[in-house]
N, C-alpha and C. Protein backbone atom coordinates (compact mmCIF):
# COMPACT_ATOMS: atom_id res chain seq x y z
N MET A 1 -5.99 -55.42 -23.52
CA MET A 1 -4.95 -54.71 -22.79
C MET A 1 -5.22 -53.22 -22.75
N SER A 2 -5.74 -52.67 -23.85
CA SER A 2 -5.99 -51.22 -23.87
C SER A 2 -7.12 -50.83 -22.93
N ALA A 3 -8.07 -51.73 -22.69
CA ALA A 3 -9.15 -51.45 -21.76
C ALA A 3 -8.59 -51.40 -20.32
N VAL A 4 -7.69 -52.29 -20.02
CA VAL A 4 -7.08 -52.29 -18.69
C VAL A 4 -6.27 -51.02 -18.52
N ARG A 5 -5.53 -50.63 -19.57
CA ARG A 5 -4.73 -49.41 -19.50
C ARG A 5 -5.62 -48.18 -19.27
N ALA A 6 -6.72 -48.12 -20.00
CA ALA A 6 -7.61 -46.96 -19.88
C ALA A 6 -8.37 -46.93 -18.57
N THR A 7 -8.76 -48.08 -18.05
CA THR A 7 -9.60 -48.08 -16.85
C THR A 7 -8.80 -48.17 -15.55
N VAL A 8 -7.58 -48.72 -15.61
CA VAL A 8 -6.84 -48.94 -14.36
C VAL A 8 -5.53 -48.14 -14.36
N LEU A 9 -4.71 -48.37 -15.32
CA LEU A 9 -3.33 -47.83 -15.25
C LEU A 9 -3.29 -46.32 -15.36
N ARG A 10 -4.04 -45.73 -16.27
CA ARG A 10 -4.01 -44.27 -16.41
C ARG A 10 -4.52 -43.54 -15.17
N PRO A 11 -5.65 -43.94 -14.59
CA PRO A 11 -6.08 -43.28 -13.36
C PRO A 11 -5.09 -43.47 -12.19
N VAL A 12 -4.45 -44.66 -12.12
CA VAL A 12 -3.47 -44.87 -11.07
C VAL A 12 -2.26 -43.99 -11.30
N ALA A 13 -1.82 -43.86 -12.50
CA ALA A 13 -0.68 -42.99 -12.84
C ALA A 13 -1.00 -41.54 -12.50
N GLU A 14 -2.21 -41.12 -12.84
CA GLU A 14 -2.62 -39.71 -12.54
C GLU A 14 -2.65 -39.50 -11.03
N ALA A 15 -3.16 -40.46 -10.30
CA ALA A 15 -3.20 -40.33 -8.85
C ALA A 15 -1.80 -40.25 -8.26
N ALA A 16 -0.90 -41.05 -8.80
CA ALA A 16 0.51 -41.03 -8.30
C ALA A 16 1.12 -39.64 -8.60
N ARG A 17 0.88 -39.10 -9.77
CA ARG A 17 1.40 -37.76 -10.10
C ARG A 17 0.83 -36.71 -9.16
N SER A 18 -0.45 -36.84 -8.82
CA SER A 18 -1.06 -35.89 -7.91
C SER A 18 -0.43 -35.97 -6.52
N VAL A 19 -0.16 -37.17 -6.07
CA VAL A 19 0.45 -37.36 -4.76
C VAL A 19 1.86 -36.78 -4.76
N ARG A 20 2.63 -37.02 -5.81
CA ARG A 20 4.00 -36.46 -5.89
C ARG A 20 3.93 -34.94 -5.91
N ARG A 21 3.01 -34.39 -6.66
CA ARG A 21 2.87 -32.92 -6.74
C ARG A 21 2.53 -32.35 -5.37
N ALA A 22 1.58 -32.96 -4.67
CA ALA A 22 1.23 -32.49 -3.34
C ALA A 22 2.39 -32.60 -2.36
N GLY A 23 3.15 -33.68 -2.46
CA GLY A 23 4.34 -33.85 -1.61
C GLY A 23 5.39 -32.79 -1.87
N ARG A 24 5.61 -32.49 -3.13
CA ARG A 24 6.61 -31.42 -3.46
C ARG A 24 6.16 -30.09 -2.93
N GLN A 25 4.89 -29.79 -3.04
CA GLN A 25 4.36 -28.51 -2.54
C GLN A 25 4.48 -28.45 -1.00
N ALA A 26 4.18 -29.55 -0.34
CA ALA A 26 4.27 -29.58 1.11
C ALA A 26 5.71 -29.42 1.57
N LEU A 27 6.66 -30.09 0.90
CA LEU A 27 8.07 -29.94 1.22
C LEU A 27 8.57 -28.53 0.98
N GLY A 28 8.07 -27.92 -0.10
CA GLY A 28 8.46 -26.54 -0.40
C GLY A 28 8.00 -25.58 0.67
N SER A 29 6.77 -25.76 1.16
CA SER A 29 6.31 -24.88 2.23
C SER A 29 7.03 -25.13 3.55
N VAL A 30 7.39 -26.38 3.81
CA VAL A 30 8.18 -26.67 5.00
C VAL A 30 9.55 -26.03 4.92
N ARG A 31 10.20 -26.10 3.77
CA ARG A 31 11.49 -25.46 3.60
C ARG A 31 11.40 -23.97 3.83
N LEU A 32 10.38 -23.35 3.29
CA LEU A 32 10.20 -21.90 3.47
C LEU A 32 9.98 -21.57 4.93
N SER A 33 9.16 -22.34 5.65
CA SER A 33 8.91 -22.09 7.07
C SER A 33 10.19 -22.25 7.88
N VAL A 34 10.97 -23.28 7.59
CA VAL A 34 12.24 -23.47 8.31
C VAL A 34 13.19 -22.33 8.02
N ARG A 35 13.28 -21.90 6.79
CA ARG A 35 14.16 -20.78 6.42
C ARG A 35 13.78 -19.51 7.16
N GLN A 36 12.48 -19.24 7.25
CA GLN A 36 12.01 -18.04 7.97
C GLN A 36 12.28 -18.17 9.46
N ALA A 37 12.10 -19.36 10.02
CA ALA A 37 12.33 -19.55 11.47
C ALA A 37 13.82 -19.37 11.76
N ARG A 38 14.70 -19.87 10.89
CA ARG A 38 16.14 -19.70 11.11
C ARG A 38 16.51 -18.22 11.04
N ALA A 39 15.94 -17.49 10.10
CA ALA A 39 16.21 -16.07 9.96
C ALA A 39 15.74 -15.31 11.20
N ASP A 40 14.57 -15.67 11.71
CA ASP A 40 14.04 -15.02 12.93
C ASP A 40 14.94 -15.31 14.12
N LEU A 41 15.37 -16.55 14.25
CA LEU A 41 16.24 -16.91 15.36
C LEU A 41 17.59 -16.15 15.27
N ARG A 42 18.13 -16.10 14.06
CA ARG A 42 19.38 -15.40 13.85
C ARG A 42 19.23 -13.91 14.22
N ARG A 43 18.14 -13.29 13.79
CA ARG A 43 17.87 -11.89 14.13
C ARG A 43 17.69 -11.71 15.65
N THR A 44 17.05 -12.67 16.30
CA THR A 44 16.84 -12.59 17.75
C THR A 44 18.16 -12.68 18.48
N LEU A 45 19.03 -13.60 18.08
CA LEU A 45 20.26 -13.81 18.78
C LEU A 45 21.32 -12.76 18.49
N PHE A 46 21.41 -12.36 17.23
CA PHE A 46 22.53 -11.49 16.81
C PHE A 46 22.09 -10.10 16.40
N GLY A 47 20.81 -9.82 16.35
CA GLY A 47 20.32 -8.50 15.94
C GLY A 47 20.27 -8.37 14.42
N GLU A 48 19.78 -7.24 14.00
CA GLU A 48 19.67 -6.96 12.55
C GLU A 48 21.06 -6.77 11.96
N PRO A 49 21.31 -7.27 10.78
CA PRO A 49 22.58 -7.02 10.13
C PRO A 49 22.72 -5.55 9.75
N GLU A 50 23.93 -5.04 9.86
CA GLU A 50 24.14 -3.64 9.54
C GLU A 50 24.10 -3.47 8.03
N ARG A 51 23.44 -2.45 7.61
CA ARG A 51 23.33 -2.15 6.19
C ARG A 51 24.41 -1.15 5.83
N THR A 52 25.16 -1.46 4.81
CA THR A 52 26.16 -0.51 4.35
C THR A 52 25.48 0.42 3.34
N PRO A 53 25.75 1.71 3.39
CA PRO A 53 25.10 2.60 2.43
C PRO A 53 25.58 2.27 1.02
N SER A 54 24.65 2.28 0.11
CA SER A 54 25.02 1.95 -1.26
C SER A 54 25.79 3.08 -1.89
N GLU A 55 26.73 2.72 -2.70
CA GLU A 55 27.60 3.69 -3.36
C GLU A 55 26.90 4.25 -4.57
N ASP A 56 27.04 5.55 -4.79
CA ASP A 56 26.47 6.17 -5.98
C ASP A 56 27.35 5.87 -7.17
N ARG A 57 26.86 5.06 -8.10
CA ARG A 57 27.68 4.60 -9.22
C ARG A 57 27.31 5.26 -10.52
N ARG A 58 26.57 6.37 -10.46
CA ARG A 58 26.23 7.07 -11.69
C ARG A 58 27.40 7.87 -12.19
N GLU A 59 27.34 8.27 -13.46
CA GLU A 59 28.39 9.14 -14.03
C GLU A 59 28.34 10.49 -13.36
N PRO A 60 29.52 11.07 -13.05
CA PRO A 60 29.54 12.40 -12.46
C PRO A 60 29.06 13.43 -13.49
N SER A 61 28.53 14.54 -12.99
CA SER A 61 28.04 15.55 -13.91
C SER A 61 28.82 16.86 -13.68
N GLY A 62 28.78 17.76 -14.64
CA GLY A 62 29.41 19.05 -14.52
C GLY A 62 30.92 18.99 -14.51
N ALA A 63 31.54 19.71 -13.57
CA ALA A 63 33.00 19.82 -13.53
C ALA A 63 33.68 18.53 -13.13
N ARG A 64 32.94 17.62 -12.56
CA ARG A 64 33.53 16.38 -12.08
C ARG A 64 33.49 15.26 -13.15
N THR A 65 33.15 15.60 -14.40
CA THR A 65 33.05 14.56 -15.42
C THR A 65 34.42 13.98 -15.74
N ARG A 66 34.42 12.77 -16.16
CA ARG A 66 35.67 12.11 -16.53
C ARG A 66 35.90 12.29 -18.04
N THR A 67 37.12 12.49 -18.40
CA THR A 67 37.45 12.61 -19.81
C THR A 67 38.61 11.72 -20.14
N LEU A 68 38.84 11.48 -21.41
CA LEU A 68 39.96 10.67 -21.87
C LEU A 68 41.11 11.55 -22.41
N GLU A 69 40.88 12.82 -22.57
CA GLU A 69 41.93 13.66 -23.10
C GLU A 69 42.83 14.18 -22.01
N LYS A 70 44.08 14.52 -22.41
CA LYS A 70 45.04 15.05 -21.47
C LYS A 70 44.69 16.45 -21.06
N ARG A 71 44.94 16.76 -19.85
CA ARG A 71 44.72 18.13 -19.36
C ARG A 71 46.04 18.89 -19.42
N PRO A 72 46.01 20.15 -19.79
CA PRO A 72 47.25 20.91 -19.90
C PRO A 72 47.85 21.24 -18.60
């Protein structure tokens, strides 16, 4: 039985894993292509999305600093 496993079953199992791996990679590239095509179509039909300017979220410096104490 171990000879059959070594000569037949293990190579068949490895081949099946290779086929599954190749199939997953092919499906992944198809998904990526479809996603890019949909984005291109959306840009063509509706134009580029408007970008909102990012808000400056750093701590203020100088006279504009925030404090926790009461002001007189």
